[in-house]
């Protein structure tokens, strides 16, 4: 069997239809669920869940501003 490079896989995945891409993603996620993640894989997964959005200008850390109560 010929060796396939990562770049070739990416190029081929980009040629798939959106439905095929979703099926590929589901398949890879299922494979990943059946084995333990390495530390690097866990870090990459965690980083992919982070959002790069700044809080609104009116953001407040005060509980009273969020719940409008006396904290009890």
PDB file of N, CA and C in Angstrom:
ATOM      1  N   UNK A   1       0.843  -1.180   0.000  1.00  0.00           N
ATOM      2  CA  UNK A   1       0.000   0.000   0.000  1.00  0.00           C
ATOM      3  C   UNK A   1       0.887   1.241   0.000  1.00  0.00           C
ATOM      4  N   UNK A   2       0.537   2.199  -0.806  1.00  0.00           N
ATOM      5  CA  UNK A   2       1.322   3.433  -0.916  1.00  0.00           C
ATOM      6  C   UNK A   2       1.156   4.283   0.337  1.00  0.00           C
ATOM      7  N   UNK A   3       2.212   4.969   0.696  1.00  0.00           N
ATOM      8  CA  UNK A   3       2.195   5.865   1.850  1.00  0.00           C
ATOM      9  C   UNK A   3       1.490   7.169   1.468  1.00  0.00           C
ATOM     10  N   UNK A   4       0.568   7.617   2.290  1.00  0.00           N
ATOM     11  CA  UNK A   4      -0.176   8.849   2.039  1.00  0.00           C
ATOM     12  C   UNK A   4       0.284   9.889   3.050  1.00  0.00           C
ATOM     13  N   UNK A   5       0.559  11.088   2.572  1.00  0.00           N
ATOM     14  CA  UNK A   5       1.008  12.144   3.478  1.00  0.00           C
ATOM     15  C   UNK A   5      -0.193  12.894   4.044  1.00  0.00           C
ATOM     16  N   UNK A   6       0.047  13.576   5.136  1.00  0.00           N
ATOM     17  CA  UNK A   6      -0.983  14.387   5.784  1.00  0.00           C
ATOM     18  C   UNK A   6      -1.515  15.452   4.828  1.00  0.00           C
ATOM     19  N   UNK A   7      -0.613  16.103   4.099  1.00  0.00           N
ATOM     20  CA  UNK A   7      -1.028  17.147   3.156  1.00  0.00           C
ATOM     21  C   UNK A   7      -1.944  16.592   2.064  1.00  0.00           C
ATOM     22  N   UNK A   8      -1.664  15.366   1.619  1.00  0.00           N
ATOM     23  CA  UNK A   8      -2.525  14.740   0.611  1.00  0.00           C
ATOM     24  C   UNK A   8      -3.917  14.474   1.173  1.00  0.00           C
ATOM     25  N   UNK A   9      -3.962  14.033   2.423  1.00  0.00           N
ATOM     26  CA  UNK A   9      -5.257  13.786   3.069  1.00  0.00           C
ATOM     27  C   UNK A   9      -6.046  15.084   3.171  1.00  0.00           C
ATOM     28  N   UNK A  10      -5.384  16.167   3.581  1.00  0.00           N
ATOM     29  CA  UNK A  10      -6.068  17.460   3.671  1.00  0.00           C
ATOM     30  C   UNK A  10      -6.599  17.903   2.314  1.00  0.00           C
ATOM     31  N   UNK A  11      -5.780  17.765   1.292  1.00  0.00           N
ATOM     32  CA  UNK A  11      -6.187  18.168  -0.057  1.00  0.00           C
ATOM     33  C   UNK A  11      -7.393  17.355  -0.518  1.00  0.00           C
ATOM     34  N   UNK A  12      -7.375  16.054  -0.256  1.00  0.00           N
ATOM     35  CA  UNK A  12      -8.498  15.203  -0.652  1.00  0.00           C
ATOM     36  C   UNK A  12      -9.754  15.514   0.160  1.00  0.00           C
ATOM     37  N   UNK A  13      -9.588  15.784   1.454  1.00  0.00           N
ATOM     38  CA  UNK A  13     -10.740  16.101   2.305  1.00  0.00           C
ATOM     39  C   UNK A  13     -11.425  17.379   1.845  1.00  0.00           C
ATOM     40  N   UNK A  14     -10.655  18.332   1.350  1.00  0.00           N
ATOM     41  CA  UNK A  14     -11.232  19.585   0.860  1.00  0.00           C
ATOM     42  C   UNK A  14     -12.048  19.373  -0.411  1.00  0.00           C
ATOM     43  N   UNK A  15     -11.804  18.286  -1.123  1.00  0.00           N
ATOM     44  CA  UNK A  15     -12.536  17.996  -2.355  1.00  0.00           C
ATOM     45  C   UNK A  15     -13.867  17.290  -2.095  1.00  0.00           C
ATOM     46  N   UNK A  16     -14.080  16.836  -0.861  1.00  0.00           N
ATOM     47  CA  UNK A  16     -15.325  16.155  -0.524  1.00  0.00           C
ATOM     48  C   UNK A  16     -16.486  17.144  -0.490  1.00  0.00           C
ATOM     49  N   UNK A  17     -17.684  16.617  -0.688  1.00  0.00           N
ATOM     50  CA  UNK A  17     -18.875  17.455  -0.544  1.00  0.00           C
ATOM     51  C   UNK A  17     -19.050  17.775   0.942  1.00  0.00           C
ATOM     52  N   UNK A  18     -19.814  18.809   1.288  1.00  0.00           N
ATOM     53  CA  UNK A  18     -20.041  19.108   2.713  1.00  0.00           C
ATOM     54  C   UNK A  18     -20.602  17.912   3.488  1.00  0.00           C
ATOM     55  N   UNK A  19     -21.504  17.153   2.884  1.00  0.00           N
ATOM     56  CA  UNK A  19     -22.065  15.979   3.565  1.00  0.00           C
ATOM     57  C   UNK A  19     -20.981  14.925   3.805  1.00  0.00           C
ATOM     58  N   UNK A  20     -20.113  14.725   2.820  1.00  0.00           N
ATOM     59  CA  UNK A  20     -19.018  13.764   2.975  1.00  0.00           C
ATOM     60  C   UNK A  20     -18.021  14.243   4.020  1.00  0.00           C
ATOM     61  N   UNK A  21     -17.767  15.542   4.075  1.00  0.00           N
ATOM     62  CA  UNK A  21     -16.877  16.088   5.095  1.00  0.00           C
ATOM     63  C   UNK A  21     -17.450  15.850   6.484  1.00  0.00           C
ATOM     64  N   UNK A  22     -18.763  16.053   6.645  1.00  0.00           N
ATOM     65  CA  UNK A  22     -19.398  15.802   7.941  1.00  0.00           C
ATOM     66  C   UNK A  22     -19.311  14.322   8.312  1.00  0.00           C
ATOM     67  N   UNK A  23     -19.494  13.438   7.339  1.00  0.00           N
ATOM     68  CA  UNK A  23     -19.379  12.001   7.594  1.00  0.00           C
ATOM     69  C   UNK A  23     -17.955  11.639   8.001  1.00  0.00           C
ATOM     70  N   UNK A  24     -16.969  12.247   7.357  1.00  0.00           N
ATOM     71  CA  UNK A  24     -15.567  12.009   7.708  1.00  0.00           C
ATOM     72  C   UNK A  24     -15.285  12.487   9.130  1.00  0.00           C
ATOM     73  N   UNK A  25     -15.780  13.668   9.467  1.00  0.00           N
ATOM     74  CA  UNK A  25     -15.594  14.206  10.818  1.00  0.00           C
ATOM     75  C   UNK A  25     -16.216  13.267  11.847  1.00  0.00           C
ATOM     76  N   UNK A  26     -17.439  12.806  11.589  1.00  0.00           N
ATOM     77  CA  UNK A  26     -18.116  11.889  12.516  1.00  0.00           C
ATOM     78  C   UNK A  26     -17.321  10.598  12.675  1.00  0.00           C
ATOM     79  N   UNK A  27     -16.794  10.086  11.578  1.00  0.00           N
ATOM     80  CA  UNK A  27     -15.998   8.855  11.625  1.00  0.00           C
ATOM     81  C   UNK A  27     -14.733   9.050  12.463  1.00  0.00           C
ATOM     82  N   UNK A  28     -14.028  10.151  12.246  1.00  0.00           N
ATOM     83  CA  UNK A  28     -12.798  10.411  12.999  1.00  0.00           C
ATOM     84  C   UNK A  28     -13.088  10.632  14.478  1.00  0.00           C
ATOM     85  N   UNK A  29     -14.203  11.294  14.784  1.00  0.00           N
ATOM     86  CA  UNK A  29     -14.569  11.494  16.185  1.00  0.00           C
ATOM     87  C   UNK A  29     -14.894  10.165  16.854  1.00  0.00           C
ATOM     88  N   UNK A  30     -15.562   9.280  16.135  1.00  0.00           N
ATOM     89  CA  UNK A  30     -15.886   7.965  16.683  1.00  0.00           C
ATOM     90  C   UNK A  30     -14.612   7.164  16.951  1.00  0.00           C
ATOM     91  N   UNK A  31     -13.663   7.222  16.034  1.00  0.00           N
ATOM     92  CA  UNK A  31     -12.385   6.535  16.250  1.00  0.00           C
ATOM     93  C   UNK A  31     -11.672   7.080  17.479  1.00  0.00           C
ATOM     94  N   UNK A  32     -11.690   8.400  17.637  1.00  0.00           N
ATOM     95  CA  UNK A  32     -10.998   9.034  18.759  1.00  0.00           C
ATOM     96  C   UNK A  32     -11.652   8.695  20.092  1.00  0.00           C
ATOM     97  N   UNK A  33     -12.961   8.454  20.093  1.00  0.00           N
ATOM     98  CA  UNK A  33     -13.662   8.147  21.338  1.00  0.00           C
ATOM     99  C   UNK A  33     -13.303   6.770  21.881  1.00  0.00           C
ATOM    100  N   UNK A  34     -12.786   5.897  21.040  1.00  0.00           N
ATOM    101  CA  UNK A  34     -12.499   4.529  21.451  1.00  0.00           C
ATOM    102  C   UNK A  34     -11.057   4.322  21.902  1.00  0.00           C
ATOM    103  N   UNK A  35     -10.336   5.399  22.082  1.00  0.00           N
ATOM    104  CA  UNK A  35      -8.973   5.286  22.609  1.00  0.00           C
ATOM    105  C   UNK A  35      -8.684   6.517  23.455  1.00  0.00           C
ATOM    106  N   UNK A  36      -7.729   6.364  24.336  1.00  0.00           N
ATOM    107  CA  UNK A  36      -7.347   7.486  25.193  1.00  0.00           C
ATOM    108  C   UNK A  36      -6.552   8.502  24.379  1.00  0.00           C
ATOM    109  N   UNK A  37      -6.794   9.768  24.654  1.00  0.00           N
ATOM    110  CA  UNK A  37      -6.058  10.826  23.967  1.00  0.00           C
ATOM    111  C   UNK A  37      -4.688  11.023  24.608  1.00  0.00           C
ATOM    112  N   UNK A  38      -3.717  11.358  23.787  1.00  0.00           N
ATOM    113  CA  UNK A  38      -2.414  11.735  24.327  1.00  0.00           C
ATOM    114  C   UNK A  38      -2.543  13.136  24.915  1.00  0.00           C
ATOM    115  N   UNK A  39      -1.547  13.556  25.668  1.00  0.00           N
ATOM    116  CA  UNK A  39      -1.576  14.904  26.244  1.00  0.00           C
ATOM    117  C   UNK A  39      -1.665  15.968  25.158  1.00  0.00           C
ATOM    118  N   UNK A  40      -0.900  15.786  24.082  1.00  0.00           N
ATOM    119  CA  UNK A  40      -0.927  16.764  22.987  1.00  0.00           C
ATOM    120  C   UNK A  40      -2.289  16.797  22.299  1.00  0.00           C
ATOM    121  N   UNK A  41      -2.904  15.624  22.112  1.00  0.00           N
ATOM    122  CA  UNK A  41      -4.227  15.577  21.497  1.00  0.00           C
ATOM    123  C   UNK A  41      -5.268  16.236  22.392  1.00  0.00           C
ATOM    124  N   UNK A  42      -5.175  15.984  23.700  1.00  0.00           N
ATOM    125  CA  UNK A  42      -6.118  16.595  24.639  1.00  0.00           C
ATOM    126  C   UNK A  42      -5.971  18.110  24.616  1.00  0.00           C
ATOM    127  N   UNK A  43      -4.733  18.593  24.622  1.00  0.00           N
ATOM    128  CA  UNK A  43      -4.492  20.043  24.562  1.00  0.00           C
ATOM    129  C   UNK A  43      -5.056  20.641  23.276  1.00  0.00           C
ATOM    130  N   UNK A  44      -4.857  19.955  22.150  1.00  0.00           N
ATOM    131  CA  UNK A  44      -5.368  20.462  20.873  1.00  0.00           C
ATOM    132  C   UNK A  44      -6.894  20.486  20.876  1.00  0.00           C
ATOM    133  N   UNK A  45      -7.511  19.451  21.434  1.00  0.00           N
ATOM    134  CA  UNK A  45      -8.971  19.415  21.518  1.00  0.00           C
ATOM    135  C   UNK A  45      -9.484  20.539  22.406  1.00  0.00           C
ATOM    136  N   UNK A  46      -8.843  20.739  23.549  1.00  0.00           N
ATOM    137  CA  UNK A  46      -9.243  21.813  24.458  1.00  0.00           C
ATOM    138  C   UNK A  46      -9.083  23.174  23.782  1.00  0.00           C
ATOM    139  N   UNK A  47      -7.960  23.380  23.105  1.00  0.00           N
ATOM    140  CA  UNK A  47      -7.727  24.657  22.413  1.00  0.00           C
ATOM    141  C   UNK A  47      -8.771  24.905  21.326  1.00  0.00           C
ATOM    142  N   UNK A  48      -9.244  23.845  20.686  1.00  0.00           N
ATOM    143  CA  UNK A  48     -10.240  24.021  19.624  1.00  0.00           C
ATOM    144  C   UNK A  48     -11.588  24.474  20.172  1.00  0.00           C
ATOM    145  N   UNK A  49     -11.815  24.269  21.462  1.00  0.00           N
ATOM    146  CA  UNK A  49     -13.083  24.667  22.071  1.00  0.00           C
ATOM    147  C   UNK A  49     -13.073  26.098  22.586  1.00  0.00           C
ATOM    148  N   UNK A  50     -11.905  26.697  22.656  1.00  0.00           N
ATOM    149  CA  UNK A  50     -11.801  28.061  23.164  1.00  0.00           C
ATOM    150  C   UNK A  50     -12.366  29.043  22.146  1.00  0.00           C
ATOM    151  N   UNK A  51     -12.996  30.087  22.655  1.00  0.00           N
ATOM    152  CA  UNK A  51     -13.517  31.138  21.776  1.00  0.00           C
ATOM    153  C   UNK A  51     -12.643  32.371  21.939  1.00  0.00           C
ATOM    154  N   UNK A  52     -12.338  33.008  20.853  1.00  0.00           N
ATOM    155  CA  UNK A  52     -11.487  34.194  20.868  1.00  0.00           C
ATOM    156  C   UNK A  52     -12.363  35.441  20.736  1.00  0.00           C
ATOM    157  N   UNK A  53     -13.229  35.638  21.741  1.00  0.00           N
ATOM    158  CA  UNK A  53     -14.157  36.761  21.733  1.00  0.00           C
ATOM    159  C   UNK A  53     -13.966  37.549  23.023  1.00  0.00           C
ATOM    160  N   UNK A  54     -13.800  38.832  22.889  1.00  0.00           N
ATOM    161  CA  UNK A  54     -13.639  39.688  24.061  1.00  0.00           C
ATOM    162  C   UNK A  54     -15.002  39.931  24.709  1.00  0.00           C
ATOM    163  N   UNK A  55     -15.038  40.060  26.049  1.00  0.00           N
ATOM    164  CA  UNK A  55     -16.298  40.394  26.715  1.00  0.00           C
ATOM    165  C   UNK A  55     -16.785  41.770  26.263  1.00  0.00           C
ATOM    166  N   UNK A  56     -18.066  41.982  26.392  1.00  0.00           N
ATOM    167  CA  UNK A  56     -18.647  43.271  26.023  1.00  0.00           C
ATOM    168  C   UNK A  56     -18.067  44.369  26.905  1.00  0.00           C
ATOM    169  N   UNK A  57     -18.088  45.587  26.403  1.00  0.00           N
ATOM    170  CA  UNK A  57     -17.525  46.726  27.137  1.00  0.00           C
ATOM    171  C   UNK A  57     -18.202  46.905  28.485  1.00  0.00           C
ATOM    172  N   UNK A  58     -19.478  46.563  28.581  1.00  0.00           N
ATOM    173  CA  UNK A  58     -20.196  46.744  29.841  1.00  0.00           C
ATOM    174  C   UNK A  58     -20.090  45.531  30.767  1.00  0.00           C
ATOM    175  N   UNK A  59     -19.182  44.596  30.477  1.00  0.00           N
ATOM    176  CA  UNK A  59     -18.991  43.407  31.302  1.00  0.00           C
ATOM    177  C   UNK A  59     -18.559  43.794  32.708  1.00  0.00           C
ATOM    178  N   UNK A  60     -19.136  43.134  33.702  1.00  0.00           N
ATOM    179  CA  UNK A  60     -18.813  43.418  35.098  1.00  0.00           C
ATOM    180  C   UNK A  60     -18.561  42.116  35.843  1.00  0.00           C
ATOM    181  N   UNK A  61     -17.624  42.139  36.768  1.00  0.00           N
ATOM    182  CA  UNK A  61     -17.342  40.979  37.609  1.00  0.00           C
ATOM    183  C   UNK A  61     -18.206  40.971  38.872  1.00  0.00           C
ATOM    184  N   UNK A  62     -18.965  42.025  39.098  1.00  0.00           N
ATOM    185  CA  UNK A  62     -19.774  42.136  40.315  1.00  0.00           C
ATOM    186  C   UNK A  62     -21.032  41.280  40.201  1.00  0.00           C
ATOM    187  N   UNK A  63     -21.274  40.466  41.228  1.00  0.00           N
ATOM    188  CA  UNK A  63     -22.460  39.602  41.255  1.00  0.00           C
ATOM    189  C   UNK A  63     -23.741  40.423  41.165  1.00  0.00           C
ATOM    190  N   UNK A  64     -23.788  41.533  41.879  1.00  0.00           N
ATOM    191  CA  UNK A  64     -24.997  42.362  41.893  1.00  0.00           C
ATOM    192  C   UNK A  64     -25.348  42.858  40.494  1.00  0.00           C
ATOM    193  N   UNK A  65     -24.351  43.088  39.667  1.00  0.00           N
ATOM    194  CA  UNK A  65     -24.618  43.538  38.304  1.00  0.00           C
ATOM    195  C   UNK A  65     -25.237  42.429  37.451  1.00  0.00           C
ATOM    196  N   UNK A  66     -24.907  41.184  37.781  1.00  0.00           N
ATOM    197  CA  UNK A  66     -25.424  40.061  37.011  1.00  0.00           C
ATOM    198  C   UNK A  66     -26.809  39.620  37.478  1.00  0.00           C
ATOM    199  N   UNK A  67     -27.003  39.575  38.809  1.00  0.00           N
ATOM    200  CA  UNK A  67     -28.227  39.002  39.349  1.00  0.00           C
ATOM    201  C   UNK A  67     -29.158  40.036  39.970  1.00  0.00           C
ATOM    202  N   UNK A  68     -28.682  41.262  40.128  1.00  0.00           N
ATOM    203  CA  UNK A  68     -29.509  42.330  40.674  1.00  0.00           C
ATOM    204  C   UNK A  68     -30.139  41.925  42.003  1.00  0.00           C
ATOM    205  N   UNK A  69     -29.315  41.359  42.885  1.00  0.00           N
ATOM    206  CA  UNK A  69     -29.802  40.998  44.212  1.00  0.00           C
ATOM    207  C   UNK A  69     -28.742  41.348  45.245  1.00  0.00           C
ATOM    208  N   UNK A  70     -28.998  40.962  46.479  1.00  0.00           N
ATOM    209  CA  UNK A  70     -28.057  41.315  47.547  1.00  0.00           C
ATOM    210  C   UNK A  70     -27.038  40.212  47.814  1.00  0.00           C
ATOM    211  N   UNK A  71     -26.987  39.160  46.995  1.00  0.00           N
ATOM    212  CA  UNK A  71     -25.966  38.126  47.115  1.00  0.00           C
ATOM    213  C   UNK A  71     -26.329  36.966  47.997  1.00  0.00           C
ATOM    214  N   UNK A  72     -27.552  36.948  48.525  1.00  0.00           N
ATOM    215  CA  UNK A  72     -27.934  35.830  49.394  1.00  0.00           C
ATOM    216  C   UNK A  72     -28.594  34.731  48.636  1.00  0.00           C
TER     217      UNK A  72
END
